[in-house]
Amino acid sequence: MGQTYHANAKTNVTIRTLIKNSTESSESLSARFGVSINTIKKWEGRIQLTDKSSAPIHIEYALSELTRALIVGIRSSTWLPLDEILDMVSTDENPISRSSTYRLFVKEKINTVPQEKKDKAHKFKAYEPGYLHIDVTYLPKFNGLNSYLYVAIDRATRLMYFAVYQNKTAENAQIFMDNCLDFFPFLITHVLTDNGLEFTNRLIMSKKGNLCTKPSLLDVKCKKNNIDHRLTKPSSPKTNGMVERVNGTIKTNTILKNEYQNTVEMNKDLIAFLCFYNLYRRHGSLRKELKVKTPLNAVQKWYDLKPEIFREKPEILHQKLINLQKQNNQILTTTL
């Protein structure tokens, strides 16, 4: 196999050998071979006449060894999209760029999801906007008092809404559903929840061993608004995995990232993330499915495609979020 030379090399091994073994002066050899005197002197004193590797001896990585191992571990075990992994590991104290993460994916050959993983991945049935996944998750206690976060995310657009309540009750689930009907700009057609008592009476059993058939408050609210309330299989959280995953995203960017002195500080941070998520956060799956970046972009795209399923224009939703953001900033200013 022939010798590979650097792109700008003006000599080859044969010429370098002649230079090394020559008794002529450096000036004479320079004129003879059309190279600089420094080049002549370099090859006169060099033992190895082939080009040395141009790769750096010590590589300075943008990511620490621990961060690289964490990213590779998460990607290899879950095959989550790049942006979701970035949200999990990047912090204000240790910001990580998207390009550095992608280069690591390429280096470790994990930038492409294996076909067998794609085949095993559960694919949601395609739905238009209006199919909400709803769940409740715990928040930190303050002064011994509980807080619960009711979360709803739309399957098609990934538009998200959540609210904090002090109790996990059927009454609050009903109130939350009212808030969802007001927040989401499109008609809500389906709701998927787990079998918690705040959502359904399905698993309540009488002393005689009969399951309850009385509709829950959420069932009543859904029926009144022509919404199909569906339930996951008992003990099967994966069937509501979309909202389970977004619960983790919320916590990673708020309560797991910052320490709060009280519920006011926590709520302000949560509202700030809600606005950021819907207005600005890049979402990997949306780029593939709709070729848009953010949930708000997706809402606008669907409105252009099917305006008849909307009860109000996306501009109104946009203004709602901007107003909410301004109100939250005002609260932050007055408390500081």
C-alpha atoms as a PDB file:
ATOM      1  CA  MET A   1       0.000   0.000   0.000  1.00  0.00           C
ATOM      2  CA  GLY A   2       1.417   3.421  -0.987  1.00  0.00           C
ATOM      3  CA  GLN A   3       2.375   6.138   1.445  1.00  0.00           C
ATOM      4  CA  THR A   4      -0.334   8.679   2.285  1.00  0.00           C
ATOM      5  CA  TYR A   5       0.948  12.247   2.480  1.00  0.00           C
ATOM      6  CA  HIS A   6      -0.439  15.388   4.083  1.00  0.00           C
ATOM      7  CA  ALA A   7      -2.482  17.503   1.678  1.00  0.00           C
ATOM      8  CA  ASN A   8       0.155  20.287   1.463  1.00  0.00           C
ATOM      9  CA  ALA A   9       3.253  18.047   1.411  1.00  0.00           C
ATOM     10  CA  LYS A  10       5.796  19.161  -1.262  1.00  0.00           C
ATOM     11  CA  THR A  11       8.131  16.186  -0.836  1.00  0.00           C
ATOM     12  CA  ASN A  12       7.798  12.415  -0.817  1.00  0.00           C
ATOM     13  CA  VAL A  13       9.823   9.664   0.850  1.00  0.00           C
ATOM     14  CA  THR A  14      12.217   9.432  -2.133  1.00  0.00           C
ATOM     15  CA  ILE A  15      13.043  13.151  -2.084  1.00  0.00           C
ATOM     16  CA  ARG A  16      13.342  13.121   1.717  1.00  0.00           C
ATOM     17  CA  THR A  17      15.829  10.241   1.501  1.00  0.00           C
ATOM     18  CA  LEU A  18      17.922  12.164  -1.036  1.00  0.00           C
ATOM     19  CA  ILE A  19      17.871  15.222   1.227  1.00  0.00           C
ATOM     20  CA  LYS A  20      18.899  13.212   4.297  1.00  0.00           C
ATOM     21  CA  ASN A  21      21.759  11.445   2.523  1.00  0.00           C
ATOM     22  CA  SER A  22      22.987  14.441   0.497  1.00  0.00           C
ATOM     23  CA  THR A  23      26.220  16.306   1.269  1.00  0.00           C
ATOM     24  CA  GLU A  24      25.024  19.449  -0.533  1.00  0.00           C
ATOM     25  CA  SER A  25      24.274  22.636   1.380  1.00  0.00           C
ATOM     26  CA  SER A  26      20.777  23.413   2.578  1.00  0.00           C
ATOM     27  CA  GLU A  27      20.588  26.371   0.187  1.00  0.00           C
ATOM     28  CA  SER A  28      21.504  24.157  -2.771  1.00  0.00           C
ATOM     29  CA  LEU A  29      18.952  21.472  -1.825  1.00  0.00           C
ATOM     30  CA  SER A  30      16.304  24.142  -1.304  1.00  0.00           C
ATOM     31  CA  ALA A  31      16.809  25.453  -4.818  1.00  0.00           C
ATOM     32  CA  ARG A  32      17.045  21.941  -6.268  1.00  0.00           C
ATOM     33  CA  PHE A  33      13.763  20.625  -4.816  1.00  0.00           C
ATOM     34  CA  GLY A  34      11.824  23.902  -4.665  1.00  0.00           C
ATOM     35  CA  VAL A  35      11.205  23.885  -0.937  1.00  0.00           C
ATOM     36  CA  SER A  36      12.212  26.157   1.933  1.00  0.00           C
ATOM     37  CA  ILE A  37      15.500  25.841   3.812  1.00  0.00           C
ATOM     38  CA  ASN A  38      13.530  25.012   6.963  1.00  0.00           C
ATOM     39  CA  THR A  39      11.986  22.042   5.167  1.00  0.00           C
ATOM     40  CA  ILE A  40      15.453  20.841   4.108  1.00  0.00           C
ATOM     41  CA  LYS A  41      16.750  21.099   7.655  1.00  0.00           C
ATOM     42  CA  LYS A  42      13.698  19.301   9.001  1.00  0.00           C
ATOM     43  CA  TRP A  43      14.242  16.239   6.810  1.00  0.00           C
ATOM     44  CA  GLU A  44      18.006  16.279   7.331  1.00  0.00           C
ATOM     45  CA  GLY A  45      17.480  15.777  11.047  1.00  0.00           C
ATOM     46  CA  ARG A  46      14.431  13.498  10.904  1.00  0.00           C
ATOM     47  CA  ILE A  47      14.825   9.739  11.466  1.00  0.00           C
ATOM     48  CA  GLN A  48      11.319   8.846  10.271  1.00  0.00           C
ATOM     49  CA  LEU A  49      10.764  10.039   6.706  1.00  0.00           C
ATOM     50  CA  THR A  50       7.019   9.365   6.539  1.00  0.00           C
ATOM     51  CA  ASP A  51       4.435  11.971   7.572  1.00  0.00           C
ATOM     52  CA  LYS A  52       3.517  11.952  11.245  1.00  0.00           C
ATOM     53  CA  SER A  53      -0.133  11.781  12.262  1.00  0.00           C
ATOM     54  CA  SER A  54      -1.804  15.184  12.470  1.00  0.00           C
ATOM     55  CA  ALA A  55      -4.218  13.983  15.160  1.00  0.00           C
ATOM     56  CA  PRO A  56      -3.809  15.810  18.493  1.00  0.00           C
ATOM     57  CA  ILE A  57      -1.920  13.933  21.202  1.00  0.00           C
ATOM     58  CA  HIS A  58      -4.327  15.116  23.902  1.00  0.00           C
ATOM     59  CA  ILE A  59      -7.999  15.654  22.977  1.00  0.00           C
ATOM     60  CA  GLU A  60      -9.920  18.227  25.025  1.00  0.00           C
ATOM     61  CA  TYR A  61     -13.563  17.153  25.140  1.00  0.00           C
ATOM     62  CA  ALA A  62     -16.353  19.674  25.673  1.00  0.00           C
ATOM     63  CA  LEU A  63     -18.074  17.118  27.919  1.00  0.00           C
ATOM     64  CA  SER A  64     -16.585  15.616  31.043  1.00  0.00           C
ATOM     65  CA  GLU A  65     -16.001  11.882  31.240  1.00  0.00           C
ATOM     66  CA  LEU A  66     -18.863  11.507  33.724  1.00  0.00           C
ATOM     67  CA  THR A  67     -21.264  13.506  31.527  1.00  0.00           C
ATOM     68  CA  ARG A  68     -20.296  11.504  28.436  1.00  0.00           C
ATOM     69  CA  ALA A  69     -20.893   8.240  30.295  1.00  0.00           C
ATOM     70  CA  LEU A  70     -24.267   9.505  31.553  1.00  0.00           C
ATOM     71  CA  ILE A  71     -25.442  10.598  28.103  1.00  0.00           C
ATOM     72  CA  VAL A  72     -24.296   7.380  26.438  1.00  0.00           C
ATOM     73  CA  GLY A  73     -25.937   5.305  29.169  1.00  0.00           C
ATOM     74  CA  ILE A  74     -29.285   7.066  28.873  1.00  0.00           C
ATOM     75  CA  ARG A  75     -29.299   6.959  25.076  1.00  0.00           C
ATOM     76  CA  SER A  76     -28.264   3.290  24.882  1.00  0.00           C
ATOM     77  CA  SER A  77     -30.833   2.132  27.427  1.00  0.00           C
ATOM     78  CA  THR A  78     -33.818   4.283  26.428  1.00  0.00           C
ATOM     79  CA  TRP A  79     -33.121   5.590  22.879  1.00  0.00           C
ATOM     80  CA  LEU A  80     -34.823   8.843  23.842  1.00  0.00           C
ATOM     81  CA  PRO A  81     -34.515  11.767  21.396  1.00  0.00           C
ATOM     82  CA  LEU A  82     -31.437  13.984  21.684  1.00  0.00           C
ATOM     83  CA  ASP A  83     -33.381  17.004  22.975  1.00  0.00           C
ATOM     84  CA  GLU A  84     -35.023  15.051  25.785  1.00  0.00           C
ATOM     85  CA  ILE A  85     -31.683  13.660  26.935  1.00  0.00           C
ATOM     86  CA  LEU A  86     -30.208  17.156  26.736  1.00  0.00           C
ATOM     87  CA  ASP A  87     -32.977  18.445  29.017  1.00  0.00           C
ATOM     88  CA  MET A  88     -32.198  15.698  31.521  1.00  0.00           C
ATOM     89  CA  VAL A  89     -28.454  16.316  31.842  1.00  0.00           C
ATOM     90  CA  SER A  90     -27.950  20.015  31.066  1.00  0.00           C
ATOM     91  CA  THR A  91     -28.081  22.485  33.972  1.00  0.00           C
ATOM     92  CA  ASP A  92     -27.320  26.167  34.503  1.00  0.00           C
ATOM     93  CA  GLU A  93     -24.136  25.192  36.351  1.00  0.00           C
ATOM     94  CA  ASN A  94     -23.129  22.679  33.681  1.00  0.00           C
ATOM     95  CA  PRO A  95     -24.637  23.784  30.340  1.00  0.00           C
ATOM     96  CA  ILE A  96     -24.285  21.313  27.502  1.00  0.00           C
ATOM     97  CA  SER A  97     -24.614  22.248  23.839  1.00  0.00           C
ATOM     98  CA  ARG A  98     -26.767  20.285  21.443  1.00  0.00           C
ATOM     99  CA  SER A  99     -23.899  19.974  18.955  1.00  0.00           C
ATOM    100  CA  SER A 100     -21.571  18.450  21.580  1.00  0.00           C
ATOM    101  CA  THR A 101     -24.220  15.896  22.470  1.00  0.00           C
ATOM    102  CA  TYR A 102     -24.824  14.981  18.845  1.00  0.00           C
ATOM    103  CA  ARG A 103     -21.078  14.630  18.155  1.00  0.00           C
ATOM    104  CA  LEU A 104     -20.914  12.226  21.100  1.00  0.00           C
ATOM    105  CA  PHE A 105     -23.810  10.245  19.597  1.00  0.00           C
ATOM    106  CA  VAL A 106     -21.928   9.981  16.307  1.00  0.00           C
ATOM    107  CA  LYS A 107     -18.638   9.042  17.981  1.00  0.00           C
ATOM    108  CA  GLU A 108     -20.328   6.273  19.984  1.00  0.00           C
ATOM    109  CA  LYS A 109     -22.411   5.212  16.946  1.00  0.00           C
ATOM    110  CA  ILE A 110     -25.692   5.788  18.768  1.00  0.00           C
ATOM    111  CA  ASN A 111     -26.956   8.651  16.580  1.00  0.00           C
ATOM    112  CA  THR A 112     -29.251   6.277  14.684  1.00  0.00           C
ATOM    113  CA  VAL A 113     -31.832   4.169  16.509  1.00  0.00           C
ATOM    114  CA  PRO A 114     -31.353   0.461  15.613  1.00  0.00           C
ATOM    115  CA  GLN A 115     -34.112  -1.007  13.490  1.00  0.00           C
ATOM    116  CA  GLU A 116     -34.925  -3.661  16.086  1.00  0.00           C
ATOM    117  CA  LYS A 117     -35.522  -0.909  18.643  1.00  0.00           C
ATOM    118  CA  LYS A 118     -37.788   0.896  16.197  1.00  0.00           C
ATOM    119  CA  ASP A 119     -39.727  -2.316  15.582  1.00  0.00           C
ATOM    120  CA  LYS A 120     -40.227  -2.865  19.306  1.00  0.00           C
ATOM    121  CA  ALA A 121     -41.195   0.739  20.007  1.00  0.00           C
ATOM    122  CA  HIS A 122     -44.878   1.209  20.711  1.00  0.00           C
ATOM    123  CA  LYS A 123     -46.442   3.488  18.121  1.00  0.00           C
ATOM    124  CA  PHE A 124     -49.422   5.585  19.160  1.00  0.00           C
ATOM    125  CA  LYS A 125     -52.406   5.471  16.900  1.00  0.00           C
ATOM    126  CA  ALA A 126     -52.443   8.650  14.858  1.00  0.00           C
ATOM    127  CA  TYR A 127     -54.859  11.232  16.244  1.00  0.00           C
ATOM    128  CA  GLU A 128     -55.627  14.828  15.465  1.00  0.00           C
ATOM    129  CA  PRO A 129     -55.202  17.440  18.204  1.00  0.00           C
ATOM    130  CA  GLY A 130     -57.634  16.868  21.059  1.00  0.00           C
ATOM    131  CA  TYR A 131     -56.377  13.601  22.573  1.00  0.00           C
ATOM    132  CA  LEU A 132     -55.107  14.491  26.060  1.00  0.00           C
ATOM    133  CA  HIS A 133     -52.964  12.317  28.321  1.00  0.00           C
ATOM    134  CA  ILE A 134     -53.628  13.356  31.928  1.00  0.00           C
ATOM    135  CA  ASP A 135     -51.825  12.395  35.122  1.00  0.00           C
ATOM    136  CA  VAL A 136     -51.048  13.597  38.660  1.00  0.00           C
ATOM    137  CA  THR A 137     -47.557  13.705  40.147  1.00  0.00           C
ATOM    138  CA  TYR A 138     -46.200  14.639  43.556  1.00  0.00           C
ATOM    139  CA  LEU A 139     -44.427  17.899  44.346  1.00  0.00           C
ATOM    140  CA  PRO A 140     -42.232  18.770  47.355  1.00  0.00           C
ATOM    141  CA  LYS A 141     -43.877  19.436  50.728  1.00  0.00           C
ATOM    142  CA  PHE A 142     -43.657  22.829  52.425  1.00  0.00           C
ATOM    143  CA  ASN A 143     -44.522  23.210  56.112  1.00  0.00           C
ATOM    144  CA  GLY A 144     -45.830  19.655  56.074  1.00  0.00           C
ATOM    145  CA  LEU A 145     -48.395  20.388  53.354  1.00  0.00           C
ATOM    146  CA  ASN A 146     -48.650  18.298  50.184  1.00  0.00           C
ATOM    147  CA  SER A 147     -48.734  19.670  46.654  1.00  0.00           C
ATOM    148  CA  TYR A 148     -49.832  17.823  43.536  1.00  0.00           C
ATOM    149  CA  LEU A 149     -49.295  18.669  39.893  1.00  0.00           C
ATOM    150  CA  TYR A 150     -52.107  17.782  37.500  1.00  0.00           C
ATOM    151  CA  VAL A 151     -50.601  17.513  34.010  1.00  0.00           C
ATOM    152  CA  ALA A 152     -52.208  17.282  30.561  1.00  0.00           C
ATOM    153  CA  ILE A 153     -50.382  16.900  27.252  1.00  0.00           C
ATOM    154  CA  ASP A 154     -51.898  16.698  23.794  1.00  0.00           C
ATOM    155  CA  ARG A 155     -50.774  13.693  21.783  1.00  0.00           C
ATOM    156  CA  ALA A 156     -50.594  15.368  18.368  1.00  0.00           C
ATOM    157  CA  THR A 157     -49.069  18.763  19.194  1.00  0.00           C
ATOM    158  CA  ARG A 158     -47.341  18.041  22.561  1.00  0.00           C
ATOM    159  CA  LEU A 159     -49.019  21.206  23.845  1.00  0.00           C
ATOM    160  CA  MET A 160     -48.954  20.971  27.637  1.00  0.00           C
ATOM    161  CA  TYR A 161     -50.923  22.413  30.519  1.00  0.00           C
ATOM    162  CA  PHE A 162     -50.556  21.822  34.256  1.00  0.00           C
ATOM    163  CA  ALA A 163     -51.766  23.242  37.550  1.00  0.00           C
ATOM    164  CA  VAL A 164     -50.874  22.819  41.233  1.00  0.00           C
ATOM    165  CA  TYR A 165     -53.397  21.633  43.821  1.00  0.00           C
ATOM    166  CA  GLN A 166     -53.074  20.860  47.518  1.00  0.00           C
ATOM    167  CA  ASN A 167     -55.166  17.686  47.302  1.00  0.00           C
ATOM    168  CA  LYS A 168     -55.379  14.789  44.888  1.00  0.00           C
ATOM    169  CA  THR A 169     -59.154  14.561  44.656  1.00  0.00           C
ATOM    170  CA  ALA A 170     -61.909  13.939  42.139  1.00  0.00           C
ATOM    171  CA  GLU A 171     -63.097  17.511  42.679  1.00  0.00           C
ATOM    172  CA  ASN A 172     -59.709  18.895  41.643  1.00  0.00           C
ATOM    173  CA  ALA A 173     -59.625  16.562  38.633  1.00  0.00           C
ATOM    174  CA  GLN A 174     -62.935  18.070  37.544  1.00  0.00           C
ATOM    175  CA  ILE A 175     -61.647  21.626  38.058  1.00  0.00           C
ATOM    176  CA  PHE A 176     -58.481  20.755  36.144  1.00  0.00           C
ATOM    177  CA  MET A 177     -60.566  19.441  33.242  1.00  0.00           C
ATOM    178  CA  ASP A 178     -62.442  22.768  33.153  1.00  0.00           C
ATOM    179  CA  ASN A 179     -59.092  24.560  32.962  1.00  0.00           C
ATOM    180  CA  CYS A 180     -57.990  22.286  30.115  1.00  0.00           C
ATOM    181  CA  LEU A 181     -61.171  23.057  28.189  1.00  0.00           C
ATOM    182  CA  ASP A 182     -60.333  26.739  28.515  1.00  0.00           C
ATOM    183  CA  PHE A 183     -56.585  26.434  27.794  1.00  0.00           C
ATOM    184  CA  PHE A 184     -56.395  24.140  24.756  1.00  0.00           C
ATOM    185  CA  PRO A 185     -57.465  25.993  21.587  1.00  0.00           C
ATOM    186  CA  PHE A 186     -58.854  22.897  19.847  1.00  0.00           C
ATOM    187  CA  LEU A 187     -61.812  20.667  20.695  1.00  0.00           C
ATOM    188  CA  ILE A 188     -60.903  17.944  23.191  1.00  0.00           C
ATOM    189  CA  THR A 189     -62.196  14.586  21.952  1.00  0.00           C
ATOM    190  CA  HIS A 190     -60.355  12.021  24.112  1.00  0.00           C
ATOM    191  CA  VAL A 191     -58.836  11.892  27.569  1.00  0.00           C
ATOM    192  CA  LEU A 192     -56.576   9.085  28.765  1.00  0.00           C
ATOM    193  CA  THR A 193     -55.926   8.674  32.510  1.00  0.00           C
ATOM    194  CA  ASP A 194     -54.823   5.951  34.878  1.00  0.00           C
ATOM    195  CA  ASN A 195     -57.218   4.291  37.338  1.00  0.00           C
ATOM    196  CA  GLY A 196     -56.570   6.622  40.281  1.00  0.00           C
ATOM    197  CA  LEU A 197     -59.583   7.475  42.454  1.00  0.00           C
ATOM    198  CA  GLU A 198     -59.242  11.119  41.402  1.00  0.00           C
ATOM    199  CA  PHE A 199     -60.095  10.050  37.843  1.00  0.00           C
ATOM    200  CA  THR A 200     -62.383   7.020  38.026  1.00  0.00           C
ATOM    201  CA  ASN A 201     -64.531   4.868  40.314  1.00  0.00           C
ATOM    202  CA  ARG A 202     -63.752   1.812  38.234  1.00  0.00           C
ATOM    203  CA  LEU A 203     -61.721  -0.042  40.889  1.00  0.00           C
ATOM    204  CA  ILE A 204     -63.899   0.817  43.881  1.00  0.00           C
ATOM    205  CA  MET A 205     -65.381  -2.404  45.179  1.00  0.00           C
ATOM    206  CA  SER A 206     -68.433  -2.829  47.391  1.00  0.00           C
ATOM    207  CA  LYS A 207     -68.585  -5.125  50.408  1.00  0.00           C
ATOM    208  CA  LYS A 208     -70.320  -7.645  48.170  1.00  0.00           C
ATOM    209  CA  GLY A 209     -67.379  -7.608  45.786  1.00  0.00           C
ATOM    210  CA  ASN A 210     -69.055  -5.643  43.001  1.00  0.00           C
ATOM    211  CA  LEU A 211     -67.174  -2.962  41.115  1.00  0.00           C
ATOM    212  CA  CYS A 212     -68.605   0.561  41.195  1.00  0.00           C
ATOM    213  CA  THR A 213     -70.583   1.616  38.133  1.00  0.00           C
ATOM    214  CA  LYS A 214     -71.225   5.205  39.233  1.00  0.00           C
ATOM    215  CA  PRO A 215     -69.464   7.679  36.944  1.00  0.00           C
ATOM    216  CA  SER A 216     -66.720   9.787  38.485  1.00  0.00           C
ATOM    217  CA  LEU A 217     -66.805  13.577  38.459  1.00  0.00           C
ATOM    218  CA  LEU A 218     -64.357  13.527  35.564  1.00  0.00           C
ATOM    219  CA  ASP A 219     -66.596  11.060  33.698  1.00  0.00           C
ATOM    220  CA  VAL A 220     -69.526  13.428  34.158  1.00  0.00           C
ATOM    221  CA  LYS A 221     -67.502  16.393  32.930  1.00  0.00           C
ATOM    222  CA  CYS A 222     -66.251  14.459  29.882  1.00  0.00           C
ATOM    223  CA  LYS A 223     -69.722  13.194  28.976  1.00  0.00           C
ATOM    224  CA  LYS A 224     -71.118  16.722  29.177  1.00  0.00           C
ATOM    225  CA  ASN A 225     -68.468  17.886  26.683  1.00  0.00           C
ATOM    226  CA  ASN A 226     -68.632  14.840  24.361  1.00  0.00           C
ATOM    227  CA  ILE A 227     -65.198  13.638  25.438  1.00  0.00           C
ATOM    228  CA  ASP A 228     -64.301   9.954  25.404  1.00  0.00           C
ATOM    229  CA  HIS A 229     -62.662   9.230  28.788  1.00  0.00           C
ATOM    230  CA  ARG A 230     -60.376   6.223  28.400  1.00  0.00           C
ATOM    231  CA  LEU A 231     -58.460   4.386  31.114  1.00  0.00           C
ATOM    232  CA  THR A 232     -55.119   2.621  31.092  1.00  0.00           C
ATOM    233  CA  LYS A 233     -54.864  -1.027  32.009  1.00  0.00           C
ATOM    234  CA  PRO A 234     -54.482  -1.391  35.796  1.00  0.00           C
ATOM    235  CA  SER A 235     -50.815  -1.493  36.884  1.00  0.00           C
ATOM    236  CA  SER A 236     -49.677  -0.577  33.351  1.00  0.00           C
ATOM    237  CA  PRO A 237     -48.215   2.962  33.457  1.00  0.00           C
ATOM    238  CA  LYS A 238     -46.501   2.432  30.085  1.00  0.00           C
ATOM    239  CA  THR A 239     -49.859   2.851  28.331  1.00  0.00           C
ATOM    240  CA  ASN A 240     -49.841   6.467  29.515  1.00  0.00           C
ATOM    241  CA  GLY A 241     -46.112   6.844  28.976  1.00  0.00           C
ATOM    242  CA  MET A 242     -46.320  10.185  27.151  1.00  0.00           C
ATOM    243  CA  VAL A 243     -47.516  12.078  30.213  1.00  0.00           C
ATOM    244  CA  GLU A 244     -45.327   9.986  32.533  1.00  0.00           C
ATOM    245  CA  ARG A 245     -42.315  11.105  30.523  1.00  0.00           C
ATOM    246  CA  VAL A 246     -43.315  14.757  30.464  1.00  0.00           C
ATOM    247  CA  ASN A 247     -43.731  14.592  34.258  1.00  0.00           C
ATOM    248  CA  GLY A 248     -40.030  13.761  34.384  1.00  0.00           C
ATOM    249  CA  THR A 249     -39.210  16.611  32.012  1.00  0.00           C
ATOM    250  CA  ILE A 250     -41.075  19.095  34.206  1.00  0.00           C
ATOM    251  CA  LYS A 251     -39.359  17.925  37.379  1.00  0.00           C
ATOM    252  CA  THR A 252     -35.913  17.790  35.797  1.00  0.00           C
ATOM    253  CA  ASN A 253     -36.208  21.429  34.777  1.00  0.00           C
ATOM    254  CA  THR A 254     -37.754  22.694  38.022  1.00  0.00           C
ATOM    255  CA  ILE A 255     -37.922  20.896  41.380  1.00  0.00           C
ATOM    256  CA  LEU A 256     -34.938  18.607  40.725  1.00  0.00           C
ATOM    257  CA  LYS A 257     -32.875  21.530  39.491  1.00  0.00           C
ATOM    258  CA  ASN A 258     -33.611  24.267  42.038  1.00  0.00           C
ATOM    259  CA  GLU A 259     -34.280  24.577  45.752  1.00  0.00           C
ATOM    260  CA  TYR A 260     -37.309  26.555  46.888  1.00  0.00           C
ATOM    261  CA  GLN A 261     -38.077  28.243  50.186  1.00  0.00           C
ATOM    262  CA  ASN A 262     -41.841  28.035  49.749  1.00  0.00           C
ATOM    263  CA  THR A 263     -44.651  27.116  47.369  1.00  0.00           C
ATOM    264  CA  VAL A 264     -44.687  30.619  45.846  1.00  0.00           C
ATOM    265  CA  GLU A 265     -41.127  30.207  44.546  1.00  0.00           C
ATOM    266  CA  MET A 266     -41.895  26.702  43.268  1.00  0.00           C
ATOM    267  CA  ASN A 267     -45.094  27.766  41.503  1.00  0.00           C
ATOM    268  CA  LYS A 268     -43.349  30.694  39.793  1.00  0.00           C
ATOM    269  CA  ASP A 269     -40.668  28.351  38.478  1.00  0.00           C
ATOM    270  CA  LEU A 270     -43.272  25.857  37.280  1.00  0.00           C
ATOM    271  CA  ILE A 271     -45.244  28.543  35.419  1.00  0.00           C
ATOM    272  CA  ALA A 272     -42.038  29.859  33.843  1.00  0.00           C
ATOM    273  CA  PHE A 273     -41.261  26.379  32.527  1.00  0.00           C
ATOM    274  CA  LEU A 274     -44.834  25.888  31.254  1.00  0.00           C
ATOM    275  CA  CYS A 275     -44.515  29.043  29.143  1.00  0.00           C
ATOM    276  CA  PHE A 276     -41.013  28.160  27.955  1.00  0.00           C
ATOM    277  CA  TYR A 277     -42.020  24.596  27.041  1.00  0.00           C
ATOM    278  CA  ASN A 278     -44.982  25.620  24.896  1.00  0.00           C
ATOM    279  CA  LEU A 279     -43.449  28.727  23.332  1.00  0.00           C
ATOM    280  CA  TYR A 280     -39.781  27.939  22.790  1.00  0.00           C
ATOM    281  CA  ARG A 281     -38.714  24.408  23.678  1.00  0.00           C
ATOM    282  CA  ARG A 282     -37.540  22.344  20.710  1.00  0.00           C
ATOM    283  CA  HIS A 283     -39.253  18.974  20.497  1.00  0.00           C
ATOM    284  CA  GLY A 284     -37.513  16.206  18.548  1.00  0.00           C
ATOM    285  CA  SER A 285     -40.618  14.151  17.686  1.00  0.00           C
ATOM    286  CA  LEU A 286     -42.454  17.209  16.351  1.00  0.00           C
ATOM    287  CA  ARG A 287     -39.616  17.957  13.917  1.00  0.00           C
ATOM    288  CA  LYS A 288     -39.966  14.460  12.491  1.00  0.00           C
ATOM    289  CA  GLU A 289     -43.755  14.284  12.407  1.00  0.00           C
ATOM    290  CA  LEU A 290     -44.778  17.829  11.498  1.00  0.00           C
ATOM    291  CA  LYS A 291     -41.441  19.472  10.626  1.00  0.00           C
ATOM    292  CA  VAL A 292     -41.963  22.120  13.308  1.00  0.00           C
ATOM    293  CA  LYS A 293     -39.931  22.951  16.397  1.00  0.00           C
ATOM    294  CA  THR A 294     -42.234  23.831  19.284  1.00  0.00           C
ATOM    295  CA  PRO A 295     -45.715  22.827  20.519  1.00  0.00           C
ATOM    296  CA  LEU A 296     -47.013  26.273  19.563  1.00  0.00           C
ATOM    297  CA  ASN A 297     -45.613  25.794  16.038  1.00  0.00           C
ATOM    298  CA  ALA A 298     -47.425  22.447  15.893  1.00  0.00           C
ATOM    299  CA  VAL A 299     -50.710  24.054  16.947  1.00  0.00           C
ATOM    300  CA  GLN A 300     -50.364  26.619  14.149  1.00  0.00           C
ATOM    301  CA  LYS A 301     -49.533  23.883  11.627  1.00  0.00           C
ATOM    302  CA  TRP A 302     -52.633  21.892  12.584  1.00  0.00           C
ATOM    303  CA  TYR A 303     -54.769  25.024  12.430  1.00  0.00           C
ATOM    304  CA  ASP A 304     -53.601  25.595   8.865  1.00  0.00           C
ATOM    305  CA  LEU A 305     -54.470  21.973   8.039  1.00  0.00           C
ATOM    306  CA  LYS A 306     -57.800  21.592   9.872  1.00  0.00           C
ATOM    307  CA  PRO A 307     -59.196  24.867  11.252  1.00  0.00           C
ATOM    308  CA  GLU A 308     -62.605  23.225  11.787  1.00  0.00           C
ATOM    309  CA  ILE A 309     -61.358  21.275  14.846  1.00  0.00           C
ATOM    310  CA  PHE A 310     -60.329  24.497  16.618  1.00  0.00           C
ATOM    311  CA  ARG A 311     -62.553  26.605  18.857  1.00  0.00           C
ATOM    312  CA  GLU A 312     -60.149  29.575  18.795  1.00  0.00           C
ATOM    313  CA  LYS A 313     -57.166  30.725  16.778  1.00  0.00           C
ATOM    314  CA  PRO A 314     -53.580  29.848  17.821  1.00  0.00           C
ATOM    315  CA  GLU A 315     -52.882  33.577  18.203  1.00  0.00           C
ATOM    316  CA  ILE A 316     -55.167  33.608  21.240  1.00  0.00           C
ATOM    317  CA  LEU A 317     -53.222  30.745  22.828  1.00  0.00           C
ATOM    318  CA  HIS A 318     -49.993  32.589  22.085  1.00  0.00           C
ATOM    319  CA  GLN A 319     -51.313  35.705  23.801  1.00  0.00           C
ATOM    320  CA  LYS A 320     -52.478  33.659  26.794  1.00  0.00           C
ATOM    321  CA  LEU A 321     -48.992  32.280  27.280  1.00  0.00           C
ATOM    322  CA  ILE A 322     -47.362  35.699  26.840  1.00  0.00           C
ATOM    323  CA  ASN A 323     -49.743  37.211  29.398  1.00  0.00           C
ATOM    324  CA  LEU A 324     -49.097  34.347  31.795  1.00  0.00           C
ATOM    325  CA  GLN A 325     -45.369  34.883  31.346  1.00  0.00           C
ATOM    326  CA  LYS A 326     -45.710  38.620  32.068  1.00  0.00           C
ATOM    327  CA  GLN A 327     -47.863  38.025  35.153  1.00  0.00           C
ATOM    328  CA  ASN A 328     -45.352  35.503  36.442  1.00  0.00           C
ATOM    329  CA  ASN A 329     -42.485  37.947  35.916  1.00  0.00           C
ATOM    330  CA  GLN A 330     -44.415  40.646  37.771  1.00  0.00           C
ATOM    331  CA  ILE A 331     -44.924  38.296  40.701  1.00  0.00           C
ATOM    332  CA  LEU A 332     -41.200  37.548  40.641  1.00  0.00           C
ATOM    333  CA  THR A 333     -40.353  41.274  40.677  1.00  0.00           C
ATOM    334  CA  THR A 334     -42.682  42.119  43.572  1.00  0.00           C
ATOM    335  CA  THR A 335     -41.430  39.234  45.704  1.00  0.00           C
ATOM    336  CA  LEU A 336     -37.788  40.201  45.154  1.00  0.00           C
END
